[in-house]
Amino acid sequence: MTPTCRPAASRLVATGAALAWLGCTAMAQPLQLPGAQPFNAPGTQQSAPASAAPSAPRPRTMPAIRIPGEDSLLGKTVRRNGGAGEATLEKTATGFGLKLRAEGFQAQNLVEPCAISFGETPVPLTSLGKPAGLPRYKLEASACPIVFDVLEGGFLVVEPAEPCVIEAAQCRIDPRGVWGPDARTLVARAKEIEAERGKAENAVREGYRALSAKAELPEQRSIAREQAAFSSERAQICRDFQSEGSHSFCGARITEARAASIRARLGLPEPKPEAAKPARPATARRAPAATPPAPVSQ
């Protein structure tokens, strides 16, 4: 009986068909290079590669400003509104004291001038910390307890709210306002003071923006009103400072004080004091060459 080849042929046909299918499938897949992102199956959407999470926005802040200390006032004579009375901050065994002579008018005759001296020795001062960002002191004088904030080269009296009447002399004195150098000495420093005021103005603007960014909507409105009222408040304080329009000393110091107050409200640390720049070594000048003497004619 002759053997048949149909089963073997069937197996060969099936194997060939399977190989052909595998070959077609392999040809259908595109070439993938090493390190490339794998291809998605047909009908699926390719997902975007994962990216780093966006960084949180930095909180608004304000430029660093100079915070004046007692050294800027120590030993210097300042006058109310640059012209009346005299005050000098001095070092004492227990801290600081203030020698003060205030000018005013007779309580019963407000056109008759008078003056009150608080003694030949400095009146003790009590430190009240920095509630508004600047060093604050209280003058321990029962006749007129003055509270003031130290400014650069002066101070701002924040209390009392009304003039004091010294009963023993029937003299009415008003210590309120800015005490600073003699106004006649400030005109020569006008450009320097204007530059300081410009820096303080910028710090105040940025400071109010930082305050507003941290506040809720109702408080933002209050901050906006405060900022809008600052210019008129400053003008009110400085209106009696002598020759203010020629040097802007009072305006600059009040602006610096507001910037310090905003910085304290933001909880920012005090800026480090600027290091003094080392003096440049003097270079010796070369001596000019000696001129030969002119010949003497015989």
C-alpha atoms as a PDB file:
ATOM      1  CA  MET A   1       0.000   0.000   0.000  1.00  0.00           C
ATOM      2  CA  THR A   2       1.407   3.334  -1.058  1.00  0.00           C
ATOM      3  CA  PRO A   3       1.763   5.875   1.884  1.00  0.00           C
ATOM      4  CA  THR A   4      -0.028   9.239   1.501  1.00  0.00           C
ATOM      5  CA  CYS A   5       1.669  12.697   2.017  1.00  0.00           C
ATOM      6  CA  ARG A   6      -1.402  14.752   2.823  1.00  0.00           C
ATOM      7  CA  PRO A   7      -0.884  15.054   6.624  1.00  0.00           C
ATOM      8  CA  ALA A   8       2.700  16.253   6.200  1.00  0.00           C
ATOM      9  CA  ALA A   9       1.669  18.668   3.475  1.00  0.00           C
ATOM     10  CA  SER A  10      -1.064  20.044   5.714  1.00  0.00           C
ATOM     11  CA  ARG A  11       1.428  20.616   8.506  1.00  0.00           C
ATOM     12  CA  LEU A  12       3.789  22.413   6.129  1.00  0.00           C
ATOM     13  CA  VAL A  13       1.006  24.653   4.839  1.00  0.00           C
ATOM     14  CA  ALA A  14      -0.070  25.574   8.416  1.00  0.00           C
ATOM     15  CA  THR A  15       3.508  26.299   9.465  1.00  0.00           C
ATOM     16  CA  GLY A  16       4.047  28.480   6.410  1.00  0.00           C
ATOM     17  CA  ALA A  17       0.875  30.433   7.070  1.00  0.00           C
ATOM     18  CA  ALA A  18       1.912  31.048  10.683  1.00  0.00           C
ATOM     19  CA  LEU A  19       5.358  32.256   9.631  1.00  0.00           C
ATOM     20  CA  ALA A  20       3.796  34.535   7.012  1.00  0.00           C
ATOM     21  CA  TRP A  21       1.473  36.034   9.657  1.00  0.00           C
ATOM     22  CA  LEU A  22       4.369  36.645  12.049  1.00  0.00           C
ATOM     23  CA  GLY A  23       6.342  38.262   9.271  1.00  0.00           C
ATOM     24  CA  CYS A  24       3.486  40.609   8.386  1.00  0.00           C
ATOM     25  CA  THR A  25       3.029  41.532  12.050  1.00  0.00           C
ATOM     26  CA  ALA A  26       6.713  42.284  12.443  1.00  0.00           C
ATOM     27  CA  MET A  27       6.687  44.405   9.307  1.00  0.00           C
ATOM     28  CA  ALA A  28       3.647  46.322  10.626  1.00  0.00           C
ATOM     29  CA  GLN A  29       5.537  47.456  13.774  1.00  0.00           C
ATOM     30  CA  PRO A  30       7.738  50.559  13.169  1.00  0.00           C
ATOM     31  CA  LEU A  31      11.375  50.477  14.051  1.00  0.00           C
ATOM     32  CA  GLN A  32      12.082  51.518  17.652  1.00  0.00           C
ATOM     33  CA  LEU A  33      15.471  52.969  18.491  1.00  0.00           C
ATOM     34  CA  PRO A  34      17.167  52.275  21.819  1.00  0.00           C
ATOM     35  CA  GLY A  35      16.079  54.770  24.511  1.00  0.00           C
ATOM     36  CA  ALA A  36      13.068  56.000  22.517  1.00  0.00           C
ATOM     37  CA  GLN A  37       9.597  56.235  24.053  1.00  0.00           C
ATOM     38  CA  PRO A  38       7.594  53.063  23.260  1.00  0.00           C
ATOM     39  CA  PHE A  39       4.875  53.337  20.628  1.00  0.00           C
ATOM     40  CA  ASN A  40       1.240  53.072  21.632  1.00  0.00           C
ATOM     41  CA  ALA A  41      -0.953  50.340  20.281  1.00  0.00           C
ATOM     42  CA  PRO A  42      -3.178  51.300  17.328  1.00  0.00           C
ATOM     43  CA  GLY A  43      -6.300  53.180  18.430  1.00  0.00           C
ATOM     44  CA  THR A  44      -4.809  54.465  21.707  1.00  0.00           C
ATOM     45  CA  GLN A  45      -3.732  58.039  22.503  1.00  0.00           C
ATOM     46  CA  GLN A  46      -0.147  58.737  23.491  1.00  0.00           C
ATOM     47  CA  SER A  47       0.143  60.395  26.911  1.00  0.00           C
ATOM     48  CA  ALA A  48       2.340  63.431  27.408  1.00  0.00           C
ATOM     49  CA  PRO A  49       5.567  62.834  29.331  1.00  0.00           C
ATOM     50  CA  ALA A  50       5.345  63.608  33.030  1.00  0.00           C
ATOM     51  CA  SER A  51       6.772  67.043  33.863  1.00  0.00           C
ATOM     52  CA  ALA A  52       8.005  68.499  37.130  1.00  0.00           C
ATOM     53  CA  ALA A  53       5.357  70.087  39.341  1.00  0.00           C
ATOM     54  CA  PRO A  54       5.256  73.906  39.010  1.00  0.00           C
ATOM     55  CA  SER A  55       7.125  75.667  41.781  1.00  0.00           C
ATOM     56  CA  ALA A  56       5.100  77.699  44.248  1.00  0.00           C
ATOM     57  CA  PRO A  57       5.219  81.481  43.605  1.00  0.00           C
ATOM     58  CA  ARG A  58       7.592  83.370  45.870  1.00  0.00           C
ATOM     59  CA  PRO A  59       5.813  85.595  48.418  1.00  0.00           C
ATOM     60  CA  ARG A  60       6.044  89.335  47.782  1.00  0.00           C
ATOM     61  CA  THR A  61       8.547  91.196  49.900  1.00  0.00           C
ATOM     62  CA  MET A  62      10.060  94.676  50.036  1.00  0.00           C
ATOM     63  CA  PRO A  63      13.547  96.106  49.558  1.00  0.00           C
ATOM     64  CA  ALA A  64      15.851  96.237  52.547  1.00  0.00           C
ATOM     65  CA  ILE A  65      16.033  99.651  54.146  1.00  0.00           C
ATOM     66  CA  ARG A  66      18.327 101.240  56.672  1.00  0.00           C
ATOM     67  CA  ILE A  67      17.002 101.008  60.234  1.00  0.00           C
ATOM     68  CA  PRO A  68      18.517 103.941  62.146  1.00  0.00           C
ATOM     69  CA  GLY A  69      19.987 103.346  65.564  1.00  0.00           C
ATOM     70  CA  GLU A  70      20.885 105.556  68.473  1.00  0.00           C
ATOM     71  CA  ASP A  71      24.368 106.104  67.044  1.00  0.00           C
ATOM     72  CA  SER A  72      22.902 108.233  64.236  1.00  0.00           C
ATOM     73  CA  LEU A  73      21.649 110.686  66.871  1.00  0.00           C
ATOM     74  CA  LEU A  74      24.147 110.324  69.701  1.00  0.00           C
ATOM     75  CA  GLY A  75      25.830 113.604  70.653  1.00  0.00           C
ATOM     76  CA  LYS A  76      24.098 115.637  67.943  1.00  0.00           C
ATOM     77  CA  THR A  77      22.015 118.698  68.711  1.00  0.00           C
ATOM     78  CA  VAL A  78      18.626 118.640  66.987  1.00  0.00           C
ATOM     79  CA  ARG A  79      15.818 121.193  66.923  1.00  0.00           C
ATOM     80  CA  ARG A  80      12.065 120.914  66.650  1.00  0.00           C
ATOM     81  CA  ASN A  81      11.136 121.476  62.993  1.00  0.00           C
ATOM     82  CA  GLY A  82      14.776 122.330  62.375  1.00  0.00           C
ATOM     83  CA  GLY A  83      14.700 125.593  64.316  1.00  0.00           C
ATOM     84  CA  ALA A  84      13.108 125.656  67.803  1.00  0.00           C
ATOM     85  CA  GLY A  85      14.563 124.385  71.078  1.00  0.00           C
ATOM     86  CA  GLU A  86      17.472 121.994  71.484  1.00  0.00           C
ATOM     87  CA  ALA A  87      17.754 118.285  72.258  1.00  0.00           C
ATOM     88  CA  THR A  88      20.857 116.108  72.542  1.00  0.00           C
ATOM     89  CA  LEU A  89      20.932 112.337  73.058  1.00  0.00           C
ATOM     90  CA  GLU A  90      23.713 111.272  75.431  1.00  0.00           C
ATOM     91  CA  LYS A  91      25.029 108.011  76.819  1.00  0.00           C
ATOM     92  CA  THR A  92      24.497 107.462  80.564  1.00  0.00           C
ATOM     93  CA  ALA A  93      25.552 104.841  83.076  1.00  0.00           C
ATOM     94  CA  THR A  94      22.225 103.033  82.685  1.00  0.00           C
ATOM     95  CA  GLY A  95      21.518 103.577  78.987  1.00  0.00           C
ATOM     96  CA  PHE A  96      20.576 106.855  77.311  1.00  0.00           C
ATOM     97  CA  GLY A  97      19.411 110.274  78.426  1.00  0.00           C
ATOM     98  CA  LEU A  98      18.180 113.421  76.691  1.00  0.00           C
ATOM     99  CA  LYS A  99      19.218 116.988  77.409  1.00  0.00           C
ATOM    100  CA  LEU A 100      16.212 119.082  76.415  1.00  0.00           C
ATOM    101  CA  ARG A 101      15.318 122.740  76.145  1.00  0.00           C
ATOM    102  CA  ALA A 102      11.856 123.354  74.712  1.00  0.00           C
ATOM    103  CA  GLU A 103      10.420 126.617  73.479  1.00  0.00           C
ATOM    104  CA  GLY A 104       6.801 127.700  73.667  1.00  0.00           C
ATOM    105  CA  PHE A 105       4.461 130.503  74.659  1.00  0.00           C
ATOM    106  CA  GLN A 106       2.987 131.786  77.888  1.00  0.00           C
ATOM    107  CA  ALA A 107      -0.124 129.804  78.782  1.00  0.00           C
ATOM    108  CA  GLN A 108      -2.079 133.018  79.469  1.00  0.00           C
ATOM    109  CA  ASN A 109      -0.615 134.934  76.547  1.00  0.00           C
ATOM    110  CA  LEU A 110       0.073 132.793  73.475  1.00  0.00           C
ATOM    111  CA  VAL A 111       2.053 135.526  71.731  1.00  0.00           C
ATOM    112  CA  GLU A 112       4.596 135.869  74.535  1.00  0.00           C
ATOM    113  CA  PRO A 113       7.479 133.391  74.027  1.00  0.00           C
ATOM    114  CA  CYS A 114       8.962 131.299  76.821  1.00  0.00           C
ATOM    115  CA  ALA A 115      11.449 128.441  77.168  1.00  0.00           C
ATOM    116  CA  ILE A 116      11.774 125.489  79.526  1.00  0.00           C
ATOM    117  CA  SER A 117      15.033 123.726  80.348  1.00  0.00           C
ATOM    118  CA  PHE A 118      14.743 120.167  81.661  1.00  0.00           C
ATOM    119  CA  GLY A 119      18.053 120.460  83.512  1.00  0.00           C
ATOM    120  CA  GLU A 120      21.773 120.542  82.874  1.00  0.00           C
ATOM    121  CA  THR A 121      22.069 116.769  83.092  1.00  0.00           C
ATOM    122  CA  PRO A 122      20.384 114.350  80.662  1.00  0.00           C
ATOM    123  CA  VAL A 123      16.882 113.216  81.632  1.00  0.00           C
ATOM    124  CA  PRO A 124      16.755 109.376  81.743  1.00  0.00           C
ATOM    125  CA  LEU A 125      15.130 107.537  78.849  1.00  0.00           C
ATOM    126  CA  THR A 126      13.252 104.238  79.061  1.00  0.00           C
ATOM    127  CA  SER A 127      13.459 101.925  76.071  1.00  0.00           C
ATOM    128  CA  LEU A 128      10.059 100.800  74.741  1.00  0.00           C
ATOM    129  CA  GLY A 129      11.434  98.417  72.120  1.00  0.00           C
ATOM    130  CA  LYS A 130      10.568  98.799  68.438  1.00  0.00           C
ATOM    131  CA  PRO A 131       6.764  98.664  68.178  1.00  0.00           C
ATOM    132  CA  ALA A 132       6.814 100.533  64.848  1.00  0.00           C
ATOM    133  CA  GLY A 133      10.109  99.150  63.543  1.00  0.00           C
ATOM    134  CA  LEU A 134      12.268 101.949  65.013  1.00  0.00           C
ATOM    135  CA  PRO A 135      13.849 102.348  68.472  1.00  0.00           C
ATOM    136  CA  ARG A 136      11.288 104.005  70.754  1.00  0.00           C
ATOM    137  CA  TYR A 137      12.046 105.816  74.033  1.00  0.00           C
ATOM    138  CA  LYS A 138      10.102 107.569  76.773  1.00  0.00           C
ATOM    139  CA  LEU A 139      11.451 110.683  78.491  1.00  0.00           C
ATOM    140  CA  GLU A 140      11.003 110.204  82.242  1.00  0.00           C
ATOM    141  CA  ALA A 141       9.797 113.744  82.941  1.00  0.00           C
ATOM    142  CA  SER A 142       6.521 114.004  84.825  1.00  0.00           C
ATOM    143  CA  ALA A 143       5.907 117.572  83.633  1.00  0.00           C
ATOM    144  CA  CYS A 144       5.894 116.428  79.994  1.00  0.00           C
ATOM    145  CA  PRO A 145       6.478 112.695  79.393  1.00  0.00           C
ATOM    146  CA  ILE A 146       7.610 112.584  75.766  1.00  0.00           C
ATOM    147  CA  VAL A 147       7.657 109.375  73.676  1.00  0.00           C
ATOM    148  CA  PHE A 148       9.681 109.412  70.464  1.00  0.00           C
ATOM    149  CA  ASP A 149      10.997 107.158  67.691  1.00  0.00           C
ATOM    150  CA  VAL A 150      14.620 107.456  66.632  1.00  0.00           C
ATOM    151  CA  LEU A 151      15.129 108.612  63.030  1.00  0.00           C
ATOM    152  CA  GLU A 152      18.316 108.978  61.010  1.00  0.00           C
ATOM    153  CA  GLY A 153      19.820 112.125  62.522  1.00  0.00           C
ATOM    154  CA  GLY A 154      16.676 113.080  64.442  1.00  0.00           C
ATOM    155  CA  PHE A 155      13.564 111.783  66.175  1.00  0.00           C
ATOM    156  CA  LEU A 156       9.778 111.835  65.783  1.00  0.00           C
ATOM    157  CA  VAL A 157       7.652 112.648  68.845  1.00  0.00           C
ATOM    158  CA  VAL A 158       4.583 110.383  68.919  1.00  0.00           C
ATOM    159  CA  GLU A 159       3.341 111.391  72.409  1.00  0.00           C
ATOM    160  CA  PRO A 160       1.882 113.493  73.998  1.00  0.00           C
ATOM    161  CA  ALA A 161      -1.116 114.084  71.781  1.00  0.00           C
ATOM    162  CA  GLU A 162      -1.475 117.662  73.062  1.00  0.00           C
ATOM    163  CA  PRO A 163       0.965 120.407  74.124  1.00  0.00           C
ATOM    164  CA  CYS A 164       2.275 120.334  77.699  1.00  0.00           C
ATOM    165  CA  VAL A 165       1.716 123.186  80.144  1.00  0.00           C
ATOM    166  CA  ILE A 166       4.522 123.592  82.688  1.00  0.00           C
ATOM    167  CA  GLU A 167       2.538 124.965  85.583  1.00  0.00           C
ATOM    168  CA  ALA A 168       5.502 126.313  87.563  1.00  0.00           C
ATOM    169  CA  ALA A 169       6.478 128.588  84.675  1.00  0.00           C
ATOM    170  CA  GLN A 170       3.030 128.907  83.077  1.00  0.00           C
ATOM    171  CA  CYS A 171       4.730 127.973  79.811  1.00  0.00           C
ATOM    172  CA  ARG A 172       2.957 125.995  77.119  1.00  0.00           C
ATOM    173  CA  ILE A 173       5.344 123.852  75.077  1.00  0.00           C
ATOM    174  CA  ASP A 174       4.551 121.650  72.081  1.00  0.00           C
ATOM    175  CA  PRO A 175       7.222 118.965  71.494  1.00  0.00           C
ATOM    176  CA  ARG A 176       5.281 117.157  68.746  1.00  0.00           C
ATOM    177  CA  GLY A 177       6.684 116.657  65.256  1.00  0.00           C
ATOM    178  CA  VAL A 178      10.129 115.959  63.835  1.00  0.00           C
ATOM    179  CA  TRP A 179      13.296 117.100  65.567  1.00  0.00           C
ATOM    180  CA  GLY A 180      16.256 117.334  63.224  1.00  0.00           C
ATOM    181  CA  PRO A 181      19.400 119.276  62.385  1.00  0.00           C
ATOM    182  CA  ASP A 182      19.353 123.032  62.006  1.00  0.00           C
ATOM    183  CA  ALA A 183      17.458 123.571  58.760  1.00  0.00           C
ATOM    184  CA  ARG A 184      20.120 125.987  57.543  1.00  0.00           C
ATOM    185  CA  THR A 185      22.620 123.120  57.361  1.00  0.00           C
ATOM    186  CA  LEU A 186      20.376 120.829  55.326  1.00  0.00           C
ATOM    187  CA  VAL A 187      20.176 122.685  52.018  1.00  0.00           C
ATOM    188  CA  ALA A 188      23.719 121.606  51.103  1.00  0.00           C
ATOM    189  CA  ARG A 189      22.607 117.955  51.529  1.00  0.00           C
ATOM    190  CA  ALA A 190      19.466 118.257  49.406  1.00  0.00           C
ATOM    191  CA  LYS A 191      20.585 115.826  46.650  1.00  0.00           C
ATOM    192  CA  GLU A 192      21.725 113.219  49.181  1.00  0.00           C
ATOM    193  CA  ILE A 193      18.441 113.493  51.113  1.00  0.00           C
ATOM    194  CA  GLU A 194      16.371 113.288  47.917  1.00  0.00           C
ATOM    195  CA  ALA A 195      18.134 110.050  46.933  1.00  0.00           C
ATOM    196  CA  GLU A 196      17.390 108.607  50.390  1.00  0.00           C
ATOM    197  CA  ARG A 197      13.756 109.609  50.055  1.00  0.00           C
ATOM    198  CA  GLY A 198      13.525 107.917  46.641  1.00  0.00           C
ATOM    199  CA  LYS A 199      14.736 104.612  48.092  1.00  0.00           C
ATOM    200  CA  ALA A 200      12.271 104.911  50.970  1.00  0.00           C
ATOM    201  CA  GLU A 201       9.386 105.717  48.607  1.00  0.00           C
ATOM    202  CA  ASN A 202      10.109 102.567  46.600  1.00  0.00           C
ATOM    203  CA  ALA A 203      10.288 100.479  49.783  1.00  0.00           C
ATOM    204  CA  VAL A 204       6.935 101.840  50.963  1.00  0.00           C
ATOM    205  CA  ARG A 205       5.250 101.033  47.624  1.00  0.00           C
ATOM    206  CA  GLU A 206       6.603  97.478  47.551  1.00  0.00           C
ATOM    207  CA  GLY A 207       5.804  97.042  51.232  1.00  0.00           C
ATOM    208  CA  TYR A 208       2.149  97.946  50.773  1.00  0.00           C
ATOM    209  CA  ARG A 209       1.939  95.526  47.829  1.00  0.00           C
ATOM    210  CA  ALA A 210       3.377  92.777  50.019  1.00  0.00           C
ATOM    211  CA  LEU A 211       0.903  93.577  52.813  1.00  0.00           C
ATOM    212  CA  SER A 212      -1.997  93.511  50.365  1.00  0.00           C
ATOM    213  CA  ALA A 213      -0.867  90.200  48.844  1.00  0.00           C
ATOM    214  CA  LYS A 214      -0.978  88.546  52.279  1.00  0.00           C
ATOM    215  CA  ALA A 215      -4.328  90.032  53.342  1.00  0.00           C
ATOM    216  CA  GLU A 216      -7.944  89.032  52.756  1.00  0.00           C
ATOM    217  CA  LEU A 217     -10.210  91.268  50.654  1.00  0.00           C
ATOM    218  CA  PRO A 218     -11.642  93.430  53.504  1.00  0.00           C
ATOM    219  CA  GLU A 219      -8.162  94.069  54.881  1.00  0.00           C
ATOM    220  CA  GLN A 220      -6.841  94.836  51.395  1.00  0.00           C
ATOM    221  CA  ARG A 221      -9.279  97.733  51.189  1.00  0.00           C
ATOM    222  CA  SER A 222      -8.087  99.054  54.542  1.00  0.00           C
ATOM    223  CA  ILE A 223      -4.452  98.815  53.389  1.00  0.00           C
ATOM    224  CA  ALA A 224      -5.289 100.673  50.176  1.00  0.00           C
ATOM    225  CA  ARG A 225      -6.916 103.490  52.184  1.00  0.00           C
ATOM    226  CA  GLU A 226      -3.910 103.660  54.492  1.00  0.00           C
ATOM    227  CA  GLN A 227      -1.534 103.921  51.536  1.00  0.00           C
ATOM    228  CA  ALA A 228      -3.629 106.627  49.889  1.00  0.00           C
ATOM    229  CA  ALA A 229      -3.702 108.673  53.116  1.00  0.00           C
ATOM    230  CA  PHE A 230       0.047 108.459  53.770  1.00  0.00           C
ATOM    231  CA  SER A 231       1.026 111.396  51.545  1.00  0.00           C
ATOM    232  CA  SER A 232      -1.366 113.793  53.283  1.00  0.00           C
ATOM    233  CA  GLU A 233      -0.296 112.555  56.736  1.00  0.00           C
ATOM    234  CA  ARG A 234       3.356 113.164  55.846  1.00  0.00           C
ATOM    235  CA  ALA A 235       2.560 116.643  54.527  1.00  0.00           C
ATOM    236  CA  GLN A 236       0.694 117.424  57.769  1.00  0.00           C
ATOM    237  CA  ILE A 237       3.674 116.381  59.913  1.00  0.00           C
ATOM    238  CA  CYS A 238       6.249 118.227  57.792  1.00  0.00           C
ATOM    239  CA  ARG A 239       4.351 121.410  56.983  1.00  0.00           C
ATOM    240  CA  ASP A 240       6.079 123.387  59.771  1.00  0.00           C
ATOM    241  CA  PHE A 241       9.609 122.044  59.229  1.00  0.00           C
ATOM    242  CA  GLN A 242      11.738 125.010  58.221  1.00  0.00           C
ATOM    243  CA  SER A 243      12.717 125.206  54.515  1.00  0.00           C
ATOM    244  CA  GLU A 244      11.310 121.718  53.908  1.00  0.00           C
ATOM    245  CA  GLY A 245      10.810 122.458  50.214  1.00  0.00           C
ATOM    246  CA  SER A 246      14.549 123.099  49.842  1.00  0.00           C
ATOM    247  CA  HIS A 247      15.845 119.855  51.374  1.00  0.00           C
ATOM    248  CA  SER A 248      12.959 117.374  52.106  1.00  0.00           C
ATOM    249  CA  PHE A 249      14.611 116.166  55.326  1.00  0.00           C
ATOM    250  CA  CYS A 250      11.340 115.697  57.184  1.00  0.00           C
ATOM    251  CA  GLY A 251       9.619 113.986  54.251  1.00  0.00           C
ATOM    252  CA  ALA A 252      12.512 111.590  53.772  1.00  0.00           C
ATOM    253  CA  ARG A 253      12.625 110.611  57.444  1.00  0.00           C
ATOM    254  CA  ILE A 254       8.856 110.144  57.735  1.00  0.00           C
ATOM    255  CA  THR A 255       8.917 107.942  54.625  1.00  0.00           C
ATOM    256  CA  GLU A 256      11.760 105.860  56.083  1.00  0.00           C
ATOM    257  CA  ALA A 257       9.777 105.525  59.309  1.00  0.00           C
ATOM    258  CA  ARG A 258       6.722 104.249  57.405  1.00  0.00           C
ATOM    259  CA  ALA A 259       8.881 101.747  55.501  1.00  0.00           C
ATOM    260  CA  ALA A 260      10.309 100.473  58.808  1.00  0.00           C
ATOM    261  CA  SER A 261       6.788 100.123  60.209  1.00  0.00           C
ATOM    262  CA  ILE A 262       5.615  98.102  57.185  1.00  0.00           C
ATOM    263  CA  ARG A 263       8.686  95.898  57.426  1.00  0.00           C
ATOM    264  CA  ALA A 264       7.849  95.149  61.073  1.00  0.00           C
ATOM    265  CA  ARG A 265       4.243  94.311  60.136  1.00  0.00           C
ATOM    266  CA  LEU A 266       5.481  91.877  57.496  1.00  0.00           C
ATOM    267  CA  GLY A 267       7.682  90.180  60.111  1.00  0.00           C
ATOM    268  CA  LEU A 268      10.838  90.711  58.060  1.00  0.00           C
ATOM    269  CA  PRO A 269      14.204  90.651  59.826  1.00  0.00           C
ATOM    270  CA  GLU A 270      16.220  93.809  60.155  1.00  0.00           C
ATOM    271  CA  PRO A 271      18.676  94.211  57.271  1.00  0.00           C
ATOM    272  CA  LYS A 272      22.303  93.799  58.153  1.00  0.00           C
ATOM    273  CA  PRO A 273      24.182  97.076  58.431  1.00  0.00           C
ATOM    274  CA  GLU A 274      26.281  97.882  55.412  1.00  0.00           C
ATOM    275  CA  ALA A 275      29.955  97.197  55.909  1.00  0.00           C
ATOM    276  CA  ALA A 276      32.140 100.231  55.632  1.00  0.00           C
ATOM    277  CA  LYS A 277      34.054 100.306  52.389  1.00  0.00           C
ATOM    278  CA  PRO A 278      37.806 100.119  52.931  1.00  0.00           C
ATOM    279  CA  ALA A 279      39.643 103.282  52.079  1.00  0.00           C
ATOM    280  CA  ARG A 280      41.586 103.150  48.853  1.00  0.00           C
ATOM    281  CA  PRO A 281      45.332 103.286  49.437  1.00  0.00           C
ATOM    282  CA  ALA A 282      46.852 106.559  48.456  1.00  0.00           C
ATOM    283  CA  THR A 283      49.127 106.330  45.444  1.00  0.00           C
ATOM    284  CA  ALA A 284      52.335 108.248  45.583  1.00  0.00           C
ATOM    285  CA  ARG A 285      52.686 110.790  42.829  1.00  0.00           C
ATOM    286  CA  ARG A 286      55.812 110.753  40.782  1.00  0.00           C
ATOM    287  CA  ALA A 287      57.931 113.812  41.324  1.00  0.00           C
ATOM    288  CA  PRO A 288      58.303 115.906  38.175  1.00  0.00           C
ATOM    289  CA  ALA A 289      61.658 115.714  36.469  1.00  0.00           C
ATOM    290  CA  ALA A 290      64.044 118.430  37.507  1.00  0.00           C
ATOM    291  CA  THR A 291      64.394 121.188  34.943  1.00  0.00           C
ATOM    292  CA  PRO A 292      68.054 121.714  33.984  1.00  0.00           C
ATOM    293  CA  PRO A 293      69.286 125.187  34.881  1.00  0.00           C
ATOM    294  CA  ALA A 294      69.496 127.678  32.058  1.00  0.00           C
ATOM    295  CA  PRO A 295      73.015 128.414  30.840  1.00  0.00           C
ATOM    296  CA  VAL A 296      74.480 131.637  32.147  1.00  0.00           C
ATOM    297  CA  SER A 297      75.725 133.922  29.400  1.00  0.00           C
ATOM    298  CA  GLN A 298      79.167 135.343  29.874  1.00  0.00           C
END
